[in-house]
Every structure is written in C-alpha cells, then in structure tokens.
Amino acid sequence: MSLFRKFFGSINPASDEDKANESNESFTESNKSIDEIFIFNFKKNGGKFLYCENLEEVKEQFENILEENDWFESKVLCYNPDLFSILDDNKLDYSKSADPKFLYATCENLIADEGSILFSSKQIKQNKPHELPANIIILATTSQIIGAKSDLLSVIKKKYETDYPTNITTIKYFEKAKEEDFTQYGSTAKNLYLLLLEDL
C-alpha cells in the first residue's frame, strides 16, 4: 500500500474539529509508522508536502510549483548534476549566478520525530541555512525517513563508510512564527516544498 493511501486513507464525513482532535490523538500513539509521523510533523512545521509515486509525477509536481510561484526561466541554486535535466527542461539557470529564486536539492534524511530535513555538504556545500535562498524545493524518497536525530550518526556512517560529509545541519521551520517563539530563536524559516518519491 502506498504511503499516500496509508496516510490520507478514505474520506471521513466527520467535522474538521473532530478530525483535528482525532489526528492529534492518533499521533501520540506509538503504533504509527515513521512515515506518517514525519508527514504529520513536517506539515505542522509549515512544510508543503507533495507525494509522488514515480518520476513522471515528480516532474509534473515540480512544474506545478514553478507555475504557482512564477519561477519559470529563473535563476536556481543546485549543486547536484543528477537534478540538472529537470532544470534544463524548464529553462532554469543553475550556472552559479547571484540571487537565485530557489534551491533545488536532495537531502541526507527526513527526521520523523521533529519533521525536519537533514542536509550536508553533499547537497548544500558549506552554506549555512541562512545563506540559502528563502525558497527551497527538495526531492527525497520514502526510504530516507528515519525515526529520530539520535539515529543520524549510524545512518551517515553506514551510508558513507569513510568519506563523511561535513556541514551537517537540519532545517525544521518552514514558515515564519506567527508570534515570538523562543524555540525558533536563531533559526531561519524557509518556504519549503518536499517532493516525496515512493521507493519502498
């Protein structure tokens, strides 16, 4: 069963308030899968989640994002050559020019318990989060979801074995706090779209 169907299920005629209460209760239970927990926390943090069953849907959703924001023929920050073809198809300039409209990247992992996205030098070089564009589009897969930050070290060691990446950082907030929130002190909110590709 796909992640999309598991998470959104069938249509329920209950009121929005009932749904919200059920949703909050259900995510306190320990029997929920990490993909469901990630999506819940990611959306709670203000992230925009777009589920894709295949690469054709990734391309379609990517173009929808461009259209929604009027980003066609814009400058883009992208360090991954594997992502250049979709940028070429949409006439986007990724030639390291100044003032890019958005960052297009992959990530190391998606962290379920806090709904955050983990990056390293492999995706963002030595840039700190505040140095990245305000708008970000991330392409990730369902197999990249991990339970908690405490799992990161073992996951990275297993993935890279010797050539460990540097500049390991997370982005957790995807919209500006509506009021002063000390938990966001020192963090930079990003307008972030996640293209999540089913690969399990």
N, C-alpha and C. Protein backbone atom coordinates (compact mmCIF):
# COMPACT_ATOMS: atom_id res chain seq x y z
N MET A 1 0.85 -1.18 0.00
CA MET A 1 0.00 0.00 0.00
C MET A 1 0.89 1.23 0.00
N SER A 2 0.58 2.21 -0.80
CA SER A 2 1.44 3.38 -0.90
C SER A 2 1.31 4.26 0.33
N LEU A 3 2.34 5.05 0.56
CA LEU A 3 2.38 5.99 1.68
C LEU A 3 1.20 6.94 1.62
N PHE A 4 0.87 7.42 0.43
CA PHE A 4 -0.22 8.37 0.26
C PHE A 4 -1.54 7.77 0.76
N ARG A 5 -1.82 6.55 0.35
CA ARG A 5 -3.08 5.92 0.75
C ARG A 5 -3.09 5.62 2.24
N LYS A 6 -1.94 5.20 2.79
CA LYS A 6 -1.87 4.90 4.22
C LYS A 6 -2.13 6.16 5.04
N PHE A 7 -1.54 7.28 4.59
CA PHE A 7 -1.63 8.50 5.39
C PHE A 7 -2.97 9.19 5.25
N PHE A 8 -3.50 9.29 4.05
CA PHE A 8 -4.73 10.05 3.83
C PHE A 8 -5.98 9.18 3.89
N GLY A 9 -5.84 7.87 3.65
CA GLY A 9 -6.95 6.94 3.81
C GLY A 9 -8.20 7.32 3.05
N SER A 10 -9.35 6.84 3.55
CA SER A 10 -10.62 7.12 2.89
C SER A 10 -11.24 8.39 3.45
N ILE A 11 -12.21 8.93 2.73
CA ILE A 11 -12.86 10.17 3.13
C ILE A 11 -13.79 9.88 4.30
N ASN A 12 -13.69 10.72 5.34
CA ASN A 12 -14.49 10.56 6.55
C ASN A 12 -15.40 11.76 6.68
N PRO A 13 -16.72 11.57 6.88
CA PRO A 13 -17.63 12.71 6.94
C PRO A 13 -17.56 13.49 8.25
N ALA A 14 -16.66 13.15 9.17
CA ALA A 14 -16.58 13.86 10.45
C ALA A 14 -16.22 15.33 10.23
N SER A 15 -16.56 16.16 11.20
CA SER A 15 -16.28 17.59 11.10
C SER A 15 -14.78 17.84 11.16
N ASP A 16 -14.37 19.06 10.73
CA ASP A 16 -12.95 19.41 10.76
C ASP A 16 -12.40 19.36 12.19
N GLU A 17 -13.21 19.82 13.14
CA GLU A 17 -12.76 19.83 14.54
C GLU A 17 -12.55 18.41 15.05
N ASP A 18 -13.49 17.51 14.71
CA ASP A 18 -13.35 16.11 15.11
C ASP A 18 -12.10 15.50 14.49
N LYS A 19 -11.88 15.82 13.21
CA LYS A 19 -10.71 15.29 12.50
C LYS A 19 -9.42 15.77 13.16
N ALA A 20 -9.38 17.06 13.52
CA ALA A 20 -8.18 17.63 14.15
C ALA A 20 -7.91 16.94 15.48
N ASN A 21 -8.96 16.72 16.27
CA ASN A 21 -8.80 16.06 17.55
C ASN A 21 -8.32 14.63 17.37
N GLU A 22 -8.94 13.91 16.42
CA GLU A 22 -8.53 12.54 16.15
C GLU A 22 -7.09 12.50 15.68
N SER A 23 -6.73 13.45 14.81
CA SER A 23 -5.38 13.49 14.25
C SER A 23 -4.36 13.70 15.36
N ASN A 24 -4.61 14.67 16.26
CA ASN A 24 -3.68 14.94 17.35
C ASN A 24 -3.55 13.73 18.27
N GLU A 25 -4.69 13.07 18.56
CA GLU A 25 -4.65 11.89 19.42
C GLU A 25 -3.89 10.76 18.74
N SER A 26 -4.14 10.55 17.45
CA SER A 26 -3.55 9.42 16.76
C SER A 26 -2.03 9.51 16.69
N PHE A 27 -1.49 10.72 16.64
CA PHE A 27 -0.04 10.84 16.51
C PHE A 27 0.68 10.81 17.85
N THR A 28 -0.07 10.65 18.93
CA THR A 28 0.59 10.42 20.22
C THR A 28 0.74 8.93 20.46
N GLU A 29 0.09 8.12 19.65
CA GLU A 29 0.19 6.67 19.79
C GLU A 29 1.51 6.19 19.20
N SER A 30 2.06 5.17 19.83
CA SER A 30 3.36 4.68 19.40
C SER A 30 3.27 3.72 18.21
N ASN A 31 2.05 3.34 17.81
CA ASN A 31 1.93 2.36 16.73
C ASN A 31 1.92 2.97 15.33
N LYS A 32 2.08 4.29 15.22
CA LYS A 32 2.11 4.93 13.91
C LYS A 32 3.48 4.73 13.26
N SER A 33 3.47 4.57 11.93
CA SER A 33 4.73 4.37 11.22
C SER A 33 5.52 5.68 11.17
N ILE A 34 6.82 5.56 10.94
CA ILE A 34 7.65 6.77 10.94
C ILE A 34 7.31 7.67 9.75
N ASP A 35 6.83 7.11 8.63
CA ASP A 35 6.47 7.97 7.51
C ASP A 35 5.26 8.83 7.86
N GLU A 36 4.29 8.25 8.56
CA GLU A 36 3.12 9.02 8.98
C GLU A 36 3.51 10.10 9.98
N ILE A 37 4.38 9.75 10.91
CA ILE A 37 4.83 10.72 11.92
C ILE A 37 5.59 11.85 11.25
N PHE A 38 6.48 11.51 10.30
CA PHE A 38 7.23 12.57 9.61
C PHE A 38 6.29 13.54 8.90
N ILE A 39 5.36 13.02 8.11
CA ILE A 39 4.46 13.89 7.34
C ILE A 39 3.65 14.79 8.27
N PHE A 40 3.14 14.21 9.35
CA PHE A 40 2.36 15.00 10.31
C PHE A 40 3.19 16.15 10.87
N ASN A 41 4.41 15.84 11.35
CA ASN A 41 5.27 16.87 11.96
C ASN A 41 5.79 17.88 10.94
N PHE A 42 6.11 17.40 9.74
CA PHE A 42 6.59 18.29 8.68
C PHE A 42 5.52 19.32 8.30
N LYS A 43 4.29 18.86 8.12
CA LYS A 43 3.20 19.78 7.79
C LYS A 43 2.89 20.72 8.95
N LYS A 44 3.00 20.21 10.19
CA LYS A 44 2.78 21.04 11.38
C LYS A 44 3.81 22.18 11.43
N ASN A 45 5.03 21.91 10.94
CA ASN A 45 6.09 22.93 10.90
C ASN A 45 5.93 23.91 9.75
N GLY A 46 4.91 23.69 8.90
CA GLY A 46 4.66 24.62 7.79
C GLY A 46 5.20 24.17 6.45
N GLY A 47 5.72 22.95 6.36
CA GLY A 47 6.25 22.46 5.09
C GLY A 47 5.13 22.08 4.12
N LYS A 48 5.44 22.16 2.84
CA LYS A 48 4.47 21.79 1.80
C LYS A 48 4.89 20.43 1.24
N PHE A 49 4.01 19.46 1.40
CA PHE A 49 4.30 18.08 1.08
C PHE A 49 3.60 17.65 -0.20
N LEU A 50 4.35 17.12 -1.16
CA LEU A 50 3.79 16.63 -2.43
C LEU A 50 4.26 15.20 -2.64
N TYR A 51 3.32 14.27 -2.55
CA TYR A 51 3.64 12.86 -2.70
C TYR A 51 3.70 12.48 -4.19
N CYS A 52 4.71 11.71 -4.56
CA CYS A 52 4.88 11.29 -5.96
C CYS A 52 5.12 9.78 -6.01
N GLU A 53 4.36 9.10 -6.85
CA GLU A 53 4.53 7.65 -6.98
C GLU A 53 5.64 7.27 -7.95
N ASN A 54 6.00 8.18 -8.87
CA ASN A 54 7.04 7.88 -9.85
C ASN A 54 7.70 9.19 -10.31
N LEU A 55 8.73 9.05 -11.14
CA LEU A 55 9.48 10.23 -11.58
C LEU A 55 8.67 11.14 -12.48
N GLU A 56 7.71 10.57 -13.19
CA GLU A 56 6.83 11.40 -14.03
C GLU A 56 6.01 12.35 -13.16
N GLU A 57 5.55 11.86 -12.02
CA GLU A 57 4.80 12.72 -11.09
C GLU A 57 5.71 13.76 -10.45
N VAL A 58 6.98 13.40 -10.21
CA VAL A 58 7.94 14.38 -9.69
C VAL A 58 8.06 15.55 -10.66
N LYS A 59 8.22 15.23 -11.93
CA LYS A 59 8.34 16.27 -12.96
C LYS A 59 7.09 17.15 -13.02
N GLU A 60 5.93 16.51 -12.96
CA GLU A 60 4.66 17.24 -13.01
C GLU A 60 4.48 18.16 -11.80
N GLN A 61 4.79 17.64 -10.62
CA GLN A 61 4.65 18.45 -9.39
C GLN A 61 5.67 19.59 -9.37
N PHE A 62 6.88 19.31 -9.86
CA PHE A 62 7.91 20.35 -9.94
C PHE A 62 7.42 21.51 -10.82
N GLU A 63 6.85 21.17 -11.96
CA GLU A 63 6.33 22.20 -12.87
C GLU A 63 5.15 22.95 -12.25
N ASN A 64 4.33 22.25 -11.46
CA ASN A 64 3.23 22.93 -10.75
C ASN A 64 3.76 23.96 -9.75
N ILE A 65 4.85 23.62 -9.07
CA ILE A 65 5.47 24.57 -8.13
C ILE A 65 5.99 25.80 -8.87
N LEU A 66 6.65 25.56 -10.01
CA LEU A 66 7.16 26.68 -10.82
C LEU A 66 6.02 27.59 -11.25
N GLU A 67 4.93 26.98 -11.69
CA GLU A 67 3.79 27.76 -12.16
C GLU A 67 3.15 28.54 -11.02
N GLU A 68 2.97 27.89 -9.89
CA GLU A 68 2.35 28.53 -8.72
C GLU A 68 3.12 29.78 -8.27
N ASN A 69 4.46 29.72 -8.38
CA ASN A 69 5.30 30.82 -7.89
C ASN A 69 5.86 31.71 -9.00
N ASP A 70 5.52 31.40 -10.26
CA ASP A 70 6.05 32.14 -11.41
C ASP A 70 7.58 32.12 -11.41
N TRP A 71 8.14 30.92 -11.32
CA TRP A 71 9.59 30.74 -11.28
C TRP A 71 10.17 30.23 -12.60
N PHE A 72 9.38 30.17 -13.65
CA PHE A 72 9.93 29.73 -14.93
C PHE A 72 11.03 30.69 -15.38
N GLU A 73 12.07 30.14 -16.00
CA GLU A 73 13.21 30.91 -16.52
C GLU A 73 13.88 31.74 -15.43
N SER A 74 13.90 31.22 -14.21
CA SER A 74 14.54 31.90 -13.08
C SER A 74 15.94 31.35 -12.85
N LYS A 75 16.67 32.02 -11.95
CA LYS A 75 17.96 31.52 -11.50
C LYS A 75 17.73 30.57 -10.33
N VAL A 76 18.49 29.47 -10.32
CA VAL A 76 18.33 28.42 -9.32
C VAL A 76 19.68 28.04 -8.74
N LEU A 77 19.71 27.74 -7.45
CA LEU A 77 20.92 27.19 -6.84
C LEU A 77 20.76 25.68 -6.79
N CYS A 78 21.66 24.96 -7.47
CA CYS A 78 21.61 23.50 -7.49
C CYS A 78 23.02 22.96 -7.66
N TYR A 79 23.44 22.10 -6.75
CA TYR A 79 24.79 21.55 -6.79
C TYR A 79 24.84 20.10 -7.30
N ASN A 80 23.70 19.50 -7.53
CA ASN A 80 23.65 18.08 -7.89
C ASN A 80 23.41 17.89 -9.39
N PRO A 81 24.42 17.43 -10.13
CA PRO A 81 24.27 17.23 -11.58
C PRO A 81 23.12 16.30 -11.96
N ASP A 82 22.75 15.38 -11.07
CA ASP A 82 21.64 14.46 -11.35
C ASP A 82 20.30 15.20 -11.46
N LEU A 83 20.24 16.41 -10.93
CA LEU A 83 19.00 17.20 -10.96
C LEU A 83 18.95 18.20 -12.10
N PHE A 84 20.04 18.33 -12.84
CA PHE A 84 20.12 19.39 -13.87
C PHE A 84 19.13 19.19 -15.01
N SER A 85 18.81 17.93 -15.35
CA SER A 85 17.96 17.70 -16.53
C SER A 85 16.58 18.32 -16.37
N ILE A 86 15.98 18.23 -15.20
CA ILE A 86 14.66 18.83 -15.00
C ILE A 86 14.75 20.35 -15.02
N LEU A 87 15.90 20.89 -14.61
CA LEU A 87 16.10 22.34 -14.68
C LEU A 87 16.25 22.78 -16.14
N ASP A 88 16.99 21.99 -16.91
CA ASP A 88 17.13 22.29 -18.34
C ASP A 88 15.79 22.24 -19.06
N ASP A 89 14.98 21.23 -18.73
CA ASP A 89 13.66 21.08 -19.36
C ASP A 89 12.78 22.30 -19.13
N ASN A 90 13.01 22.99 -18.00
CA ASN A 90 12.18 24.15 -17.64
C ASN A 90 12.90 25.49 -17.81
N LYS A 91 14.02 25.45 -18.56
CA LYS A 91 14.78 26.67 -18.88
C LYS A 91 15.17 27.46 -17.64
N LEU A 92 15.67 26.74 -16.63
CA LEU A 92 16.11 27.37 -15.39
C LEU A 92 17.64 27.47 -15.39
N ASP A 93 18.15 28.61 -14.95
CA ASP A 93 19.58 28.89 -14.98
C ASP A 93 20.21 28.48 -13.65
N TYR A 94 21.07 27.45 -13.67
CA TYR A 94 21.73 26.98 -12.46
C TYR A 94 23.25 27.21 -12.54
N SER A 95 23.66 28.22 -13.29
CA SER A 95 25.08 28.46 -13.56
C SER A 95 25.75 29.32 -12.48
N LYS A 96 25.43 29.07 -11.22
CA LYS A 96 26.07 29.74 -10.08
C LYS A 96 25.90 31.26 -10.13
N SER A 97 24.81 31.74 -10.71
CA SER A 97 24.58 33.18 -10.78
C SER A 97 24.03 33.70 -9.45
N ALA A 98 24.16 34.99 -9.24
CA ALA A 98 23.74 35.60 -7.98
C ALA A 98 22.22 35.65 -7.85
N ASP A 99 21.74 35.76 -6.63
CA ASP A 99 20.32 35.92 -6.31
C ASP A 99 19.40 34.87 -6.92
N PRO A 100 19.64 33.58 -6.62
CA PRO A 100 18.72 32.56 -7.13
C PRO A 100 17.36 32.67 -6.47
N LYS A 101 16.31 32.30 -7.20
CA LYS A 101 14.94 32.32 -6.66
C LYS A 101 14.73 31.20 -5.66
N PHE A 102 15.36 30.03 -5.94
CA PHE A 102 15.19 28.91 -5.02
C PHE A 102 16.36 27.94 -5.10
N LEU A 103 16.47 27.11 -4.09
CA LEU A 103 17.42 26.00 -4.05
C LEU A 103 16.67 24.74 -4.47
N TYR A 104 17.26 23.96 -5.38
CA TYR A 104 16.72 22.65 -5.73
C TYR A 104 17.77 21.63 -5.33
N ALA A 105 17.40 20.70 -4.44
CA ALA A 105 18.39 19.78 -3.89
C ALA A 105 17.75 18.49 -3.44
N THR A 106 18.62 17.52 -3.15
CA THR A 106 18.20 16.33 -2.44
C THR A 106 18.55 16.58 -0.97
N CYS A 107 18.48 15.58 -0.14
CA CYS A 107 18.84 15.73 1.26
C CYS A 107 19.46 14.42 1.75
N GLU A 108 20.00 14.45 2.96
CA GLU A 108 20.53 13.22 3.56
C GLU A 108 19.38 12.36 4.08
N ASN A 109 18.54 12.97 4.92
CA ASN A 109 17.44 12.22 5.54
C ASN A 109 16.30 13.14 5.93
N LEU A 110 15.16 12.53 6.21
CA LEU A 110 13.98 13.21 6.73
C LEU A 110 13.79 12.66 8.15
N ILE A 111 13.70 13.54 9.14
CA ILE A 111 13.66 13.11 10.54
C ILE A 111 12.23 13.17 11.05
N ALA A 112 11.68 12.00 11.34
CA ALA A 112 10.26 11.89 11.63
C ALA A 112 9.83 12.61 12.91
N ASP A 113 10.57 12.42 14.01
CA ASP A 113 10.07 12.92 15.29
C ASP A 113 10.01 14.44 15.39
N GLU A 114 10.74 15.15 14.52
CA GLU A 114 10.64 16.61 14.55
C GLU A 114 10.22 17.20 13.20
N GLY A 115 9.97 16.35 12.21
CA GLY A 115 9.51 16.84 10.91
C GLY A 115 10.53 17.72 10.21
N SER A 116 11.81 17.43 10.40
CA SER A 116 12.87 18.27 9.83
C SER A 116 13.58 17.55 8.69
N ILE A 117 14.41 18.33 7.98
CA ILE A 117 15.16 17.80 6.84
C ILE A 117 16.65 17.98 7.12
N LEU A 118 17.41 16.90 6.95
CA LEU A 118 18.84 16.90 7.22
C LEU A 118 19.62 17.09 5.92
N PHE A 119 20.52 18.07 5.94
CA PHE A 119 21.40 18.34 4.80
C PHE A 119 22.85 18.16 5.22
N SER A 120 23.72 18.05 4.22
CA SER A 120 25.16 18.05 4.48
C SER A 120 25.84 18.77 3.32
N SER A 121 27.17 18.77 3.37
CA SER A 121 27.95 19.39 2.30
C SER A 121 27.69 18.73 0.95
N LYS A 122 27.17 17.52 0.94
CA LYS A 122 26.88 16.83 -0.32
C LYS A 122 25.74 17.53 -1.09
N GLN A 123 24.85 18.21 -0.37
CA GLN A 123 23.73 18.90 -1.02
C GLN A 123 23.89 20.42 -1.05
N ILE A 124 24.44 21.01 0.02
CA ILE A 124 24.46 22.48 0.12
C ILE A 124 25.87 23.05 0.26
N LYS A 125 26.88 22.22 -0.02
CA LYS A 125 28.29 22.63 0.12
C LYS A 125 28.53 23.14 1.54
N GLN A 126 29.15 24.32 1.68
CA GLN A 126 29.42 24.84 3.02
C GLN A 126 28.45 25.96 3.42
N ASN A 127 27.36 26.11 2.69
CA ASN A 127 26.38 27.15 3.02
C ASN A 127 25.66 26.81 4.32
N LYS A 128 25.46 27.82 5.14
CA LYS A 128 24.63 27.69 6.33
C LYS A 128 23.18 27.95 5.92
N PRO A 129 22.21 27.48 6.70
CA PRO A 129 20.81 27.67 6.32
C PRO A 129 20.43 29.11 6.00
N HIS A 130 20.94 30.07 6.76
CA HIS A 130 20.58 31.48 6.50
C HIS A 130 21.20 32.00 5.20
N GLU A 131 22.19 31.30 4.65
CA GLU A 131 22.81 31.71 3.39
C GLU A 131 22.10 31.12 2.16
N LEU A 132 21.19 30.20 2.39
CA LEU A 132 20.45 29.58 1.29
C LEU A 132 19.27 30.46 0.89
N PRO A 133 18.76 30.29 -0.33
CA PRO A 133 17.58 31.06 -0.74
C PRO A 133 16.40 30.80 0.20
N ALA A 134 15.49 31.76 0.28
CA ALA A 134 14.31 31.63 1.16
C ALA A 134 13.38 30.52 0.68
N ASN A 135 13.43 30.21 -0.63
CA ASN A 135 12.57 29.18 -1.22
C ASN A 135 13.41 27.94 -1.54
N ILE A 136 12.88 26.78 -1.17
CA ILE A 136 13.62 25.53 -1.37
C ILE A 136 12.66 24.46 -1.90
N ILE A 137 13.14 23.70 -2.89
CA ILE A 137 12.42 22.50 -3.35
C ILE A 137 13.34 21.31 -3.10
N ILE A 138 12.85 20.33 -2.35
CA ILE A 138 13.65 19.16 -2.02
C ILE A 138 13.04 17.92 -2.66
N LEU A 139 13.89 17.11 -3.27
CA LEU A 139 13.49 15.80 -3.78
C LEU A 139 14.06 14.75 -2.83
N ALA A 140 13.16 13.97 -2.21
CA ALA A 140 13.58 12.91 -1.28
C ALA A 140 12.75 11.66 -1.54
N THR A 141 13.17 10.57 -0.94
CA THR A 141 12.44 9.31 -1.10
C THR A 141 11.94 8.82 0.26
N THR A 142 10.93 7.98 0.23
CA THR A 142 10.37 7.46 1.48
C THR A 142 11.40 6.65 2.27
N SER A 143 12.37 6.04 1.60
CA SER A 143 13.39 5.25 2.31
C SER A 143 14.37 6.13 3.09
N GLN A 144 14.33 7.45 2.88
CA GLN A 144 15.22 8.36 3.60
C GLN A 144 14.65 8.80 4.95
N ILE A 145 13.43 8.40 5.25
CA ILE A 145 12.82 8.80 6.52
C ILE A 145 13.41 7.95 7.65
N ILE A 146 13.90 8.64 8.70
CA ILE A 146 14.40 7.94 9.89
C ILE A 146 13.62 8.43 11.11
N GLY A 147 13.67 7.67 12.18
CA GLY A 147 12.86 7.97 13.35
C GLY A 147 13.25 9.23 14.09
N ALA A 148 14.54 9.36 14.44
CA ALA A 148 14.96 10.47 15.31
C ALA A 148 16.39 10.89 14.99
N LYS A 149 16.76 12.08 15.49
CA LYS A 149 18.12 12.59 15.30
C LYS A 149 19.16 11.64 15.88
N SER A 150 18.78 10.93 16.92
CA SER A 150 19.73 10.01 17.55
C SER A 150 20.16 8.89 16.61
N ASP A 151 19.39 8.67 15.54
CA ASP A 151 19.74 7.63 14.56
C ASP A 151 20.72 8.13 13.49
N LEU A 152 20.96 9.44 13.45
CA LEU A 152 21.70 10.04 12.34
C LEU A 152 23.12 9.52 12.19
N LEU A 153 23.84 9.47 13.29
CA LEU A 153 25.25 9.10 13.20
C LEU A 153 25.42 7.72 12.57
N SER A 154 24.63 6.76 13.02
CA SER A 154 24.76 5.40 12.47
C SER A 154 24.34 5.36 11.00
N VAL A 155 23.30 6.13 10.64
CA VAL A 155 22.84 6.16 9.24
C VAL A 155 23.93 6.75 8.34
N ILE A 156 24.54 7.86 8.76
CA ILE A 156 25.58 8.51 7.95
C ILE A 156 26.83 7.63 7.86
N LYS A 157 27.21 7.00 8.97
CA LYS A 157 28.37 6.09 8.94
C LYS A 157 28.15 4.93 7.98
N LYS A 158 26.94 4.40 8.00
CA LYS A 158 26.63 3.27 7.12
C LYS A 158 26.61 3.70 5.65
N LYS A 159 26.09 4.90 5.40
CA LYS A 159 25.96 5.37 4.02
C LYS A 159 27.30 5.72 3.40
N TYR A 160 28.20 6.37 4.16
CA TYR A 160 29.44 6.89 3.58
C TYR A 160 30.68 6.07 3.94
N GLU A 161 30.63 5.27 4.96
CA GLU A 161 31.72 4.41 5.41
C GLU A 161 32.99 5.17 5.78
N THR A 162 33.60 5.91 4.85
CA THR A 162 34.83 6.65 5.20
C THR A 162 34.76 8.13 4.83
N ASP A 163 34.23 8.45 3.68
CA ASP A 163 34.22 9.84 3.19
C ASP A 163 33.01 10.60 3.77
N TYR A 164 33.08 10.90 5.07
CA TYR A 164 31.95 11.53 5.74
C TYR A 164 31.74 12.96 5.27
N PRO A 165 30.49 13.35 5.07
CA PRO A 165 30.22 14.74 4.68
C PRO A 165 30.43 15.69 5.86
N THR A 166 30.59 16.95 5.55
CA THR A 166 30.70 17.99 6.58
C THR A 166 29.44 18.85 6.52
N ASN A 167 29.41 19.90 7.32
CA ASN A 167 28.29 20.86 7.33
C ASN A 167 26.94 20.17 7.48
N ILE A 168 26.87 19.23 8.43
CA ILE A 168 25.61 18.52 8.68
C ILE A 168 24.68 19.44 9.47
N THR A 169 23.52 19.71 8.90
CA THR A 169 22.58 20.66 9.52
C THR A 169 21.14 20.28 9.17
N THR A 170 20.22 20.73 10.00
CA THR A 170 18.80 20.47 9.72
C THR A 170 18.06 21.78 9.52
N ILE A 171 17.00 21.70 8.75
CA ILE A 171 16.05 22.81 8.64
C ILE A 171 14.72 22.26 9.14
N LYS A 172 14.14 22.98 10.09
CA LYS A 172 12.93 22.48 10.74
C LYS A 172 11.73 23.40 10.56
N TYR A 173 11.96 24.69 10.41
CA TYR A 173 10.85 25.64 10.35
C TYR A 173 10.63 26.11 8.91
N PHE A 174 9.39 25.96 8.45
CA PHE A 174 9.09 26.24 7.05
C PHE A 174 8.10 27.37 6.88
N GLU A 175 7.87 28.12 7.94
CA GLU A 175 7.08 29.34 7.86
C GLU A 175 7.47 30.19 9.05
N LYS A 176 7.37 31.49 8.90
CA LYS A 176 7.72 32.38 10.00
C LYS A 176 6.73 32.20 11.13
N ALA A 177 7.24 32.23 12.36
CA ALA A 177 6.37 32.10 13.52
C ALA A 177 5.37 33.25 13.55
N LYS A 178 4.13 32.92 13.86
CA LYS A 178 3.09 33.95 13.88
C LYS A 178 3.28 34.92 15.04
N GLU A 179 3.93 34.47 16.10
CA GLU A 179 4.28 35.34 17.21
C GLU A 179 5.63 34.90 17.72
N GLU A 180 6.20 35.66 18.66
CA GLU A 180 7.52 35.32 19.16
C GLU A 180 7.54 33.89 19.70
N ASP A 181 8.47 33.09 19.22
CA ASP A 181 8.58 31.70 19.63
C ASP A 181 10.04 31.42 19.93
N PHE A 182 10.36 31.23 21.22
CA PHE A 182 11.76 31.07 21.59
C PHE A 182 12.37 29.80 21.00
N THR A 183 11.55 28.81 20.64
CA THR A 183 12.10 27.58 20.05
C THR A 183 12.69 27.82 18.67
N GLN A 184 12.29 28.91 18.01
CA GLN A 184 12.82 29.22 16.67
C GLN A 184 13.97 30.23 16.72
N TYR A 185 14.40 30.59 17.93
CA TYR A 185 15.47 31.58 18.04
C TYR A 185 16.72 31.10 17.31
N GLY A 186 17.26 31.95 16.45
CA GLY A 186 18.48 31.63 15.72
C GLY A 186 18.26 30.78 14.47
N SER A 187 17.02 30.38 14.21
CA SER A 187 16.75 29.58 13.01
C SER A 187 16.15 30.46 11.92
N THR A 188 16.29 30.01 10.69
CA THR A 188 15.77 30.75 9.56
C THR A 188 14.64 29.96 8.92
N ALA A 189 13.44 30.55 8.90
CA ALA A 189 12.30 29.87 8.29
C ALA A 189 12.46 29.87 6.78
N LYS A 190 12.12 28.77 6.15
CA LYS A 190 12.21 28.63 4.70
C LYS A 190 10.85 28.24 4.12
N ASN A 191 10.57 28.73 2.92
CA ASN A 191 9.39 28.32 2.18
C ASN A 191 9.79 27.05 1.45
N LEU A 192 9.42 25.89 2.02
CA LEU A 192 9.98 24.64 1.53
C LEU A 192 8.91 23.69 0.99
N TYR A 193 9.19 23.19 -0.22
CA TYR A 193 8.36 22.18 -0.85
C TYR A 193 9.13 20.86 -0.83
N LEU A 194 8.47 19.79 -0.41
CA LEU A 194 9.08 18.47 -0.41
C LEU A 194 8.39 17.59 -1.44
N LEU A 195 9.14 17.18 -2.44
CA LEU A 195 8.67 16.18 -3.42
C LEU A 195 9.10 14.83 -2.89
N LEU A 196 8.17 14.08 -2.31
CA LEU A 196 8.50 12.81 -1.68
C LEU A 196 8.14 11.66 -2.62
N LEU A 197 9.18 10.98 -3.09
CA LEU A 197 9.03 9.91 -4.07
C LEU A 197 8.96 8.56 -3.36
N GLU A 198 7.91 7.82 -3.63
CA GLU A 198 7.73 6.47 -3.06
C GLU A 198 8.77 5.53 -3.66
N ASP A 199 9.59 4.93 -2.80
CA ASP A 199 10.56 3.96 -3.32
C ASP A 199 10.62 2.69 -2.47
N LEU A 200 9.60 2.48 -1.65
CA LEU A 200 9.57 1.26 -0.81
C LEU A 200 8.48 0.31 -1.29
